Amino acid sequence: MRKVLIIAGTRPEAIKVAPVMLELKKYQDQIKVVFCCTGQHRELLSGIFDLFGLTVDHNLALMAPNQTLSGIASRMFSSLEEI
C-alpha cells in the first residue's frame, strides 16, 4: 500500500488540497492518506475541514511568537520524522 502525506497550514492551502484528499480517499484500499496540519491558522482551518468532512491525522502546532520563516521550516521538517 502506498502512503501519501499531505501537509497544509493555511486556509488557502487547505482549500486547494481538500479535493485532492477527497479523491485519494476513494482509493483507501490502495492508498493511505495522512493529513498533517502545521497549525498556522488553526481557527480558520477548522471550518474548512468541517466543510469538506476532513480530519487531521497530525497537528504539528508549530506557531510561536516572533518566529522566523526558517525557524518554522526547521521545526516542521524535524516534526515530520515522527510521522
N, C-alpha and C. Protein backbone atom coordinates (compact mmCIF):
# COMPACT_ATOMS: atom_id res chain seq x y z
N MET A 1 0.85 -1.18 0.00
CA MET A 1 0.00 0.00 0.00
C MET A 1 0.89 1.24 0.00
N ARG A 2 0.54 2.18 -0.82
CA ARG A 2 1.27 3.45 -0.87
C ARG A 2 0.75 4.38 0.21
N LYS A 3 1.63 5.24 0.70
CA LYS A 3 1.26 6.21 1.72
C LYS A 3 1.52 7.60 1.16
N VAL A 4 0.52 8.48 1.26
CA VAL A 4 0.64 9.85 0.78
C VAL A 4 0.47 10.79 1.96
N LEU A 5 1.46 11.64 2.17
CA LEU A 5 1.42 12.63 3.24
C LEU A 5 1.07 13.98 2.62
N ILE A 6 -0.01 14.58 3.11
CA ILE A 6 -0.43 15.90 2.64
C ILE A 6 -0.29 16.86 3.81
N ILE A 7 0.39 17.98 3.56
CA ILE A 7 0.65 18.96 4.60
C ILE A 7 0.01 20.29 4.20
N ALA A 8 -0.72 20.89 5.14
CA ALA A 8 -1.31 22.21 4.91
C ALA A 8 -1.23 22.99 6.21
N GLY A 9 -1.08 24.30 6.09
CA GLY A 9 -1.00 25.11 7.29
C GLY A 9 -1.90 26.33 7.25
N THR A 10 -2.28 26.73 6.05
CA THR A 10 -3.11 27.92 5.91
C THR A 10 -4.44 27.55 5.26
N ARG A 11 -5.39 28.44 5.39
CA ARG A 11 -6.71 28.19 4.82
C ARG A 11 -6.65 28.01 3.30
N PRO A 12 -5.94 28.87 2.56
CA PRO A 12 -5.85 28.65 1.11
C PRO A 12 -5.24 27.30 0.74
N GLU A 13 -4.24 26.87 1.50
CA GLU A 13 -3.64 25.56 1.23
C GLU A 13 -4.65 24.44 1.45
N ALA A 14 -5.40 24.54 2.54
CA ALA A 14 -6.40 23.51 2.85
C ALA A 14 -7.48 23.45 1.78
N ILE A 15 -7.90 24.60 1.29
CA ILE A 15 -8.92 24.64 0.23
C ILE A 15 -8.39 23.97 -1.04
N LYS A 16 -7.12 24.18 -1.33
CA LYS A 16 -6.53 23.60 -2.55
C LYS A 16 -6.33 22.10 -2.45
N VAL A 17 -5.94 21.61 -1.27
CA VAL A 17 -5.66 20.17 -1.15
C VAL A 17 -6.89 19.34 -0.83
N ALA A 18 -7.97 19.97 -0.37
CA ALA A 18 -9.17 19.21 0.01
C ALA A 18 -9.70 18.34 -1.12
N PRO A 19 -9.87 18.85 -2.34
CA PRO A 19 -10.36 17.98 -3.42
C PRO A 19 -9.41 16.82 -3.72
N VAL A 20 -8.11 17.07 -3.59
CA VAL A 20 -7.13 16.01 -3.82
C VAL A 20 -7.29 14.92 -2.77
N MET A 21 -7.44 15.33 -1.51
CA MET A 21 -7.61 14.36 -0.43
C MET A 21 -8.89 13.55 -0.62
N LEU A 22 -9.96 14.22 -0.99
CA LEU A 22 -11.23 13.52 -1.18
C LEU A 22 -11.12 12.50 -2.31
N GLU A 23 -10.42 12.85 -3.36
CA GLU A 23 -10.23 11.91 -4.48
C GLU A 23 -9.36 10.73 -4.05
N LEU A 24 -8.29 11.00 -3.33
CA LEU A 24 -7.41 9.92 -2.87
C LEU A 24 -8.12 8.96 -1.92
N LYS A 25 -9.03 9.49 -1.11
CA LYS A 25 -9.76 8.63 -0.16
C LYS A 25 -10.65 7.61 -0.86
N LYS A 26 -10.96 7.84 -2.12
CA LYS A 26 -11.74 6.87 -2.88
C LYS A 26 -10.95 5.58 -3.11
N TYR A 27 -9.65 5.67 -2.94
CA TYR A 27 -8.76 4.52 -3.18
C TYR A 27 -8.12 4.05 -1.87
N GLN A 28 -8.91 4.04 -0.80
CA GLN A 28 -8.40 3.68 0.52
C GLN A 28 -7.77 2.29 0.57
N ASP A 29 -8.22 1.41 -0.29
CA ASP A 29 -7.67 0.06 -0.30
C ASP A 29 -6.27 0.01 -0.93
N GLN A 30 -5.89 1.06 -1.64
CA GLN A 30 -4.58 1.11 -2.30
C GLN A 30 -3.67 2.21 -1.76
N ILE A 31 -4.27 3.27 -1.22
CA ILE A 31 -3.51 4.44 -0.79
C ILE A 31 -3.92 4.83 0.62
N LYS A 32 -2.95 4.98 1.49
CA LYS A 32 -3.22 5.51 2.83
C LYS A 32 -2.89 7.00 2.80
N VAL A 33 -3.89 7.83 3.06
CA VAL A 33 -3.72 9.27 3.05
C VAL A 33 -3.53 9.75 4.49
N VAL A 34 -2.45 10.47 4.72
CA VAL A 34 -2.17 11.03 6.04
C VAL A 34 -2.18 12.55 5.89
N PHE A 35 -3.03 13.21 6.68
CA PHE A 35 -3.15 14.66 6.60
C PHE A 35 -2.49 15.29 7.81
N CYS A 36 -1.55 16.17 7.55
CA CYS A 36 -0.79 16.83 8.60
C CYS A 36 -1.04 18.33 8.52
N CYS A 37 -1.37 18.93 9.64
CA CYS A 37 -1.62 20.36 9.72
C CYS A 37 -0.47 21.01 10.49
N THR A 38 0.06 22.11 9.95
CA THR A 38 1.15 22.79 10.64
C THR A 38 0.65 23.66 11.78
N GLY A 39 -0.63 23.98 11.78
CA GLY A 39 -1.21 24.77 12.87
C GLY A 39 -1.05 26.26 12.71
N GLN A 40 -0.77 26.74 11.50
CA GLN A 40 -0.58 28.17 11.28
C GLN A 40 -1.88 28.96 11.46
N HIS A 41 -2.98 28.46 10.95
CA HIS A 41 -4.26 29.15 11.04
C HIS A 41 -5.31 28.20 11.62
N ARG A 42 -5.10 27.75 12.82
CA ARG A 42 -5.98 26.74 13.44
C ARG A 42 -7.45 27.12 13.39
N GLU A 43 -7.75 28.35 13.79
CA GLU A 43 -9.16 28.77 13.87
C GLU A 43 -9.82 28.78 12.49
N LEU A 44 -9.09 29.25 11.50
CA LEU A 44 -9.65 29.33 10.14
C LEU A 44 -9.75 27.96 9.47
N LEU A 45 -8.85 27.07 9.83
CA LEU A 45 -8.83 25.76 9.18
C LEU A 45 -9.96 24.84 9.61
N SER A 46 -10.38 24.95 10.86
CA SER A 46 -11.40 24.01 11.35
C SER A 46 -12.68 24.08 10.53
N GLY A 47 -13.08 25.27 10.10
CA GLY A 47 -14.27 25.40 9.27
C GLY A 47 -14.12 24.74 7.92
N ILE A 48 -12.93 24.83 7.35
CA ILE A 48 -12.65 24.19 6.06
C ILE A 48 -12.70 22.68 6.20
N PHE A 49 -12.10 22.16 7.27
CA PHE A 49 -12.10 20.71 7.50
C PHE A 49 -13.53 20.21 7.65
N ASP A 50 -14.33 20.94 8.40
CA ASP A 50 -15.73 20.55 8.59
C ASP A 50 -16.49 20.59 7.26
N LEU A 51 -16.26 21.63 6.48
CA LEU A 51 -16.95 21.79 5.20
C LEU A 51 -16.71 20.60 4.27
N PHE A 52 -15.47 20.12 4.23
CA PHE A 52 -15.12 19.02 3.34
C PHE A 52 -15.17 17.66 4.03
N GLY A 53 -15.47 17.63 5.33
CA GLY A 53 -15.52 16.36 6.04
C GLY A 53 -14.16 15.72 6.23
N LEU A 54 -13.13 16.53 6.41
CA LEU A 54 -11.77 16.03 6.57
C LEU A 54 -11.36 16.02 8.03
N THR A 55 -10.48 15.11 8.37
CA THR A 55 -9.93 15.07 9.72
C THR A 55 -8.41 15.16 9.64
N VAL A 56 -7.83 15.79 10.64
CA VAL A 56 -6.38 15.95 10.72
C VAL A 56 -5.81 14.74 11.44
N ASP A 57 -4.83 14.10 10.82
CA ASP A 57 -4.17 12.96 11.45
C ASP A 57 -3.07 13.41 12.41
N HIS A 58 -2.38 14.49 12.06
CA HIS A 58 -1.30 15.01 12.89
C HIS A 58 -1.34 16.53 12.87
N ASN A 59 -1.32 17.14 14.06
CA ASN A 59 -1.24 18.60 14.16
C ASN A 59 0.12 18.94 14.75
N LEU A 60 0.95 19.59 13.97
CA LEU A 60 2.30 19.91 14.40
C LEU A 60 2.35 21.09 15.37
N ALA A 61 1.31 21.93 15.38
CA ALA A 61 1.21 23.07 16.30
C ALA A 61 2.53 23.85 16.35
N LEU A 62 2.97 24.33 15.22
CA LEU A 62 4.28 24.96 15.10
C LEU A 62 4.33 26.43 15.48
N MET A 63 3.20 27.08 15.58
CA MET A 63 3.21 28.52 15.76
C MET A 63 3.72 28.93 17.13
N ALA A 64 4.56 29.96 17.12
CA ALA A 64 5.12 30.54 18.34
C ALA A 64 5.34 32.03 18.08
N PRO A 65 5.32 32.84 19.12
CA PRO A 65 5.51 34.28 18.92
C PRO A 65 6.90 34.61 18.34
N ASN A 66 6.94 35.60 17.49
CA ASN A 66 8.18 36.15 16.95
C ASN A 66 9.10 35.13 16.29
N GLN A 67 8.55 34.17 15.62
CA GLN A 67 9.40 33.17 14.96
C GLN A 67 9.71 33.58 13.53
N THR A 68 10.78 33.04 13.03
CA THR A 68 11.19 33.33 11.65
C THR A 68 10.69 32.23 10.73
N LEU A 69 10.68 32.52 9.45
CA LEU A 69 10.27 31.53 8.47
C LEU A 69 11.20 30.31 8.51
N SER A 70 12.49 30.57 8.65
CA SER A 70 13.43 29.44 8.72
C SER A 70 13.22 28.63 9.99
N GLY A 71 12.82 29.27 11.07
CA GLY A 71 12.52 28.55 12.30
C GLY A 71 11.31 27.64 12.15
N ILE A 72 10.27 28.16 11.50
CA ILE A 72 9.07 27.34 11.25
C ILE A 72 9.43 26.14 10.37
N ALA A 73 10.16 26.40 9.29
CA ALA A 73 10.53 25.32 8.37
C ALA A 73 11.38 24.27 9.07
N SER A 74 12.32 24.71 9.87
CA SER A 74 13.19 23.77 10.59
C SER A 74 12.39 22.89 11.54
N ARG A 75 11.49 23.50 12.32
CA ARG A 75 10.68 22.72 13.26
C ARG A 75 9.72 21.80 12.53
N MET A 76 9.19 22.25 11.38
CA MET A 76 8.26 21.41 10.63
C MET A 76 8.96 20.16 10.12
N PHE A 77 10.12 20.34 9.49
CA PHE A 77 10.82 19.18 8.94
C PHE A 77 11.28 18.23 10.04
N SER A 78 11.68 18.76 11.18
CA SER A 78 12.07 17.90 12.30
C SER A 78 10.87 17.11 12.81
N SER A 79 9.70 17.74 12.85
CA SER A 79 8.49 17.07 13.34
C SER A 79 8.03 15.96 12.41
N LEU A 80 8.32 16.08 11.13
CA LEU A 80 7.87 15.09 10.16
C LEU A 80 8.55 13.74 10.34
N GLU A 81 9.71 13.72 10.96
CA GLU A 81 10.41 12.44 11.18
C GLU A 81 9.56 11.50 12.03
N GLU A 82 8.78 12.05 12.95
CA GLU A 82 7.94 11.23 13.83
C GLU A 82 6.75 10.63 13.08
N ILE A 83 6.38 11.23 11.97
CA ILE A 83 5.22 10.78 11.21
C ILE A 83 5.67 9.76 10.21
